[in-house]
Structures are given as structure tokens and as C-alpha cells.
Amino acid sequence: MEAFRERHTAAEGRFALMKDQAEAGYLTYVRKDGVMVIEHTVVSEDFRGQGIAGRLVERAAAYAREQSLRVEPQCSYARRFLEREERFCDLLTGP
């Protein structure tokens, strides 16, 4: 996946993966009270099946850890991904 580049805009609460000038996918979040709330993960139809969503969630979780944030995934994909990955389970809030 070397051809993809990451773009993180913290002020907008948004991670994106770009290929050339096309946005392959994005993840949106809000920060509140020491928690990163992951709202949506979206992958463009042309880029589905290439691990884009997982890569976005993984990067968001790494950022949360760097910033000492807990993670509340409202996005069902992000929740399943993070619950499956033991290395991120400690970041999750609540049940």
C-alpha cells in the first residue's frame, strides 16, 4: 500500500488516505473529555477490499494512544476492529 498517503487534520477530527488526488477513505472523530469518539469510517467504492478502513482505524487508535486518549467507537466497523485487536483493547471505553 505504498501508493497511499495519510492526511490527518486534527482541527477537523479527520484521518484520510489518499491515492494520487483521490480520497480512498476517511475516518471522522471528535475529542471530548479525554475521549476520541470515532463517528464514521468511509471507504470509496473504488478502493474497497484493500484494507483501507482497517488502516484508518489503526492509525486513529495509534493517535489516541499518543495523545493519552480513550476511544469510544460509535462506528460499528471501528468497534469490531478494535475489539478484535488485543493491542487496542485497553483504549476502549465502557462495554
C-alpha atoms as a PDB file:
ATOM      1  CA  MET A   1       0.000   0.000   0.000  1.00  0.00           C
ATOM      2  CA  GLU A   2       2.947   2.336  -0.510  1.00  0.00           C
ATOM      3  CA  ALA A   3       0.988   4.387  -3.041  1.00  0.00           C
ATOM      4  CA  PHE A   4      -1.392   5.653  -0.333  1.00  0.00           C
ATOM      5  CA  ARG A   5      -0.545   8.668   1.777  1.00  0.00           C
ATOM      6  CA  GLU A   6      -2.118   9.636   5.053  1.00  0.00           C
ATOM      7  CA  ARG A   7      -3.619  13.008   5.831  1.00  0.00           C
ATOM      8  CA  HIS A   8      -4.641  13.866   9.400  1.00  0.00           C
ATOM      9  CA  THR A   9      -6.458  17.102  10.099  1.00  0.00           C
ATOM     10  CA  ALA A  10      -6.789  17.248  13.882  1.00  0.00           C
ATOM     11  CA  ALA A  11      -8.764  20.505  13.814  1.00  0.00           C
ATOM     12  CA  GLU A  12     -11.442  18.755  11.726  1.00  0.00           C
ATOM     13  CA  GLY A  13     -11.151  15.396  13.516  1.00  0.00           C
ATOM     14  CA  ARG A  14     -10.390  13.572  10.304  1.00  0.00           C
ATOM     15  CA  PHE A  15      -7.974  10.961   9.008  1.00  0.00           C
ATOM     16  CA  ALA A  16      -7.879  10.277   5.266  1.00  0.00           C
ATOM     17  CA  LEU A  17      -5.939   8.015   2.933  1.00  0.00           C
ATOM     18  CA  MET A  18      -5.184   9.462  -0.473  1.00  0.00           C
ATOM     19  CA  LYS A  19      -4.023   7.831  -3.682  1.00  0.00           C
ATOM     20  CA  ASP A  20      -2.849  10.387  -6.202  1.00  0.00           C
ATOM     21  CA  GLN A  21      -5.558  13.067  -5.944  1.00  0.00           C
ATOM     22  CA  ALA A  22      -8.357  10.653  -4.952  1.00  0.00           C
ATOM     23  CA  GLU A  23      -9.528  10.166  -1.397  1.00  0.00           C
ATOM     24  CA  ALA A  24      -9.611   6.396  -0.856  1.00  0.00           C
ATOM     25  CA  GLY A  25     -11.320   6.662   2.521  1.00  0.00           C
ATOM     26  CA  TYR A  26     -11.688   8.686   5.678  1.00  0.00           C
ATOM     27  CA  LEU A  27     -12.449   8.398   9.372  1.00  0.00           C
ATOM     28  CA  THR A  28     -14.067  11.146  11.440  1.00  0.00           C
ATOM     29  CA  TYR A  29     -13.863  11.667  15.172  1.00  0.00           C
ATOM     30  CA  VAL A  30     -14.472  14.203  17.906  1.00  0.00           C
ATOM     31  CA  ARG A  31     -12.455  14.694  21.067  1.00  0.00           C
ATOM     32  CA  LYS A  32     -14.269  15.299  24.316  1.00  0.00           C
ATOM     33  CA  ASP A  33     -13.213  14.920  27.922  1.00  0.00           C
ATOM     34  CA  GLY A  34     -10.132  12.817  27.142  1.00  0.00           C
ATOM     35  CA  VAL A  35     -12.013  10.521  24.744  1.00  0.00           C
ATOM     36  CA  MET A  36     -11.738  10.122  20.985  1.00  0.00           C
ATOM     37  CA  VAL A  37     -15.226   9.317  19.710  1.00  0.00           C
ATOM     38  CA  ILE A  38     -14.895   7.613  16.322  1.00  0.00           C
ATOM     39  CA  GLU A  39     -18.021   8.573  14.414  1.00  0.00           C
ATOM     40  CA  HIS A  40     -17.637   7.211  10.879  1.00  0.00           C
ATOM     41  CA  THR A  41     -15.304   5.200   8.689  1.00  0.00           C
ATOM     42  CA  VAL A  42     -15.989   5.502   4.962  1.00  0.00           C
ATOM     43  CA  VAL A  43     -14.169   3.892   2.019  1.00  0.00           C
ATOM     44  CA  SER A  44     -14.779   4.946  -1.582  1.00  0.00           C
ATOM     45  CA  GLU A  45     -16.260   2.191  -3.699  1.00  0.00           C
ATOM     46  CA  ASP A  46     -13.211   2.045  -5.996  1.00  0.00           C
ATOM     47  CA  PHE A  47     -10.931   1.271  -3.042  1.00  0.00           C
ATOM     48  CA  ARG A  48     -12.966  -1.292  -1.098  1.00  0.00           C
ATOM     49  CA  GLY A  49     -11.351  -4.607  -0.204  1.00  0.00           C
ATOM     50  CA  GLN A  50      -7.857  -3.117   0.123  1.00  0.00           C
ATOM     51  CA  GLY A  51      -7.682  -2.758   3.914  1.00  0.00           C
ATOM     52  CA  ILE A  52      -8.308   0.984   3.871  1.00  0.00           C
ATOM     53  CA  ALA A  53     -10.855   1.044   6.725  1.00  0.00           C
ATOM     54  CA  GLY A  54      -8.626  -1.066   8.969  1.00  0.00           C
ATOM     55  CA  ARG A  55      -5.645   1.133   8.261  1.00  0.00           C
ATOM     56  CA  LEU A  56      -7.650   4.251   9.149  1.00  0.00           C
ATOM     57  CA  VAL A  57      -8.899   2.776  12.427  1.00  0.00           C
ATOM     58  CA  GLU A  58      -5.420   1.529  13.289  1.00  0.00           C
ATOM     59  CA  ARG A  59      -3.953   4.995  12.722  1.00  0.00           C
ATOM     60  CA  ALA A  60      -6.697   6.675  14.751  1.00  0.00           C
ATOM     61  CA  ALA A  61      -6.073   4.262  17.644  1.00  0.00           C
ATOM     62  CA  ALA A  62      -2.333   4.913  17.490  1.00  0.00           C
ATOM     63  CA  TYR A  63      -3.016   8.653  17.572  1.00  0.00           C
ATOM     64  CA  ALA A  64      -5.346   8.198  20.567  1.00  0.00           C
ATOM     65  CA  ARG A  65      -2.587   6.328  22.396  1.00  0.00           C
ATOM     66  CA  GLU A  66      -0.035   9.046  21.538  1.00  0.00           C
ATOM     67  CA  GLN A  67      -2.425  11.675  22.919  1.00  0.00           C
ATOM     68  CA  SER A  68      -3.346   9.594  26.024  1.00  0.00           C
ATOM     69  CA  LEU A  69      -6.981   9.382  24.920  1.00  0.00           C
ATOM     70  CA  ARG A  70      -9.515   6.611  25.464  1.00  0.00           C
ATOM     71  CA  VAL A  71     -11.542   5.524  22.423  1.00  0.00           C
ATOM     72  CA  GLU A  72     -15.321   5.274  22.092  1.00  0.00           C
ATOM     73  CA  PRO A  73     -16.095   3.814  18.668  1.00  0.00           C
ATOM     74  CA  GLN A  74     -19.640   4.722  17.611  1.00  0.00           C
ATOM     75  CA  CYS A  75     -18.818   3.378  14.153  1.00  0.00           C
ATOM     76  CA  SER A  76     -19.653  -0.349  14.136  1.00  0.00           C
ATOM     77  CA  TYR A  77     -16.673  -1.210  11.909  1.00  0.00           C
ATOM     78  CA  ALA A  78     -14.242   0.611  14.203  1.00  0.00           C
ATOM     79  CA  ARG A  79     -15.737  -1.120  17.272  1.00  0.00           C
ATOM     80  CA  ARG A  80     -15.349  -4.610  15.760  1.00  0.00           C
ATOM     81  CA  PHE A  81     -11.830  -3.853  14.539  1.00  0.00           C
ATOM     82  CA  LEU A  82     -10.632  -2.522  17.901  1.00  0.00           C
ATOM     83  CA  GLU A  83     -12.277  -5.310  19.917  1.00  0.00           C
ATOM     84  CA  ARG A  84     -10.531  -7.917  17.715  1.00  0.00           C
ATOM     85  CA  GLU A  85      -7.107  -6.329  18.120  1.00  0.00           C
ATOM     86  CA  GLU A  86      -5.800  -7.066  21.609  1.00  0.00           C
ATOM     87  CA  ARG A  87      -3.200  -4.301  21.323  1.00  0.00           C
ATOM     88  CA  PHE A  88      -6.009  -1.717  21.281  1.00  0.00           C
ATOM     89  CA  CYS A  89      -8.498  -3.200  23.777  1.00  0.00           C
ATOM     90  CA  ASP A  90      -7.045  -1.137  26.624  1.00  0.00           C
ATOM     91  CA  LEU A  91      -8.071   2.048  24.802  1.00  0.00           C
ATOM     92  CA  LEU A  92     -11.786   1.216  24.663  1.00  0.00           C
ATOM     93  CA  THR A  93     -14.276   2.900  26.946  1.00  0.00           C
ATOM     94  CA  GLY A  94     -17.201   1.136  28.596  1.00  0.00           C
ATOM     95  CA  PRO A  95     -18.927  -2.061  27.476  1.00  0.00           C
END
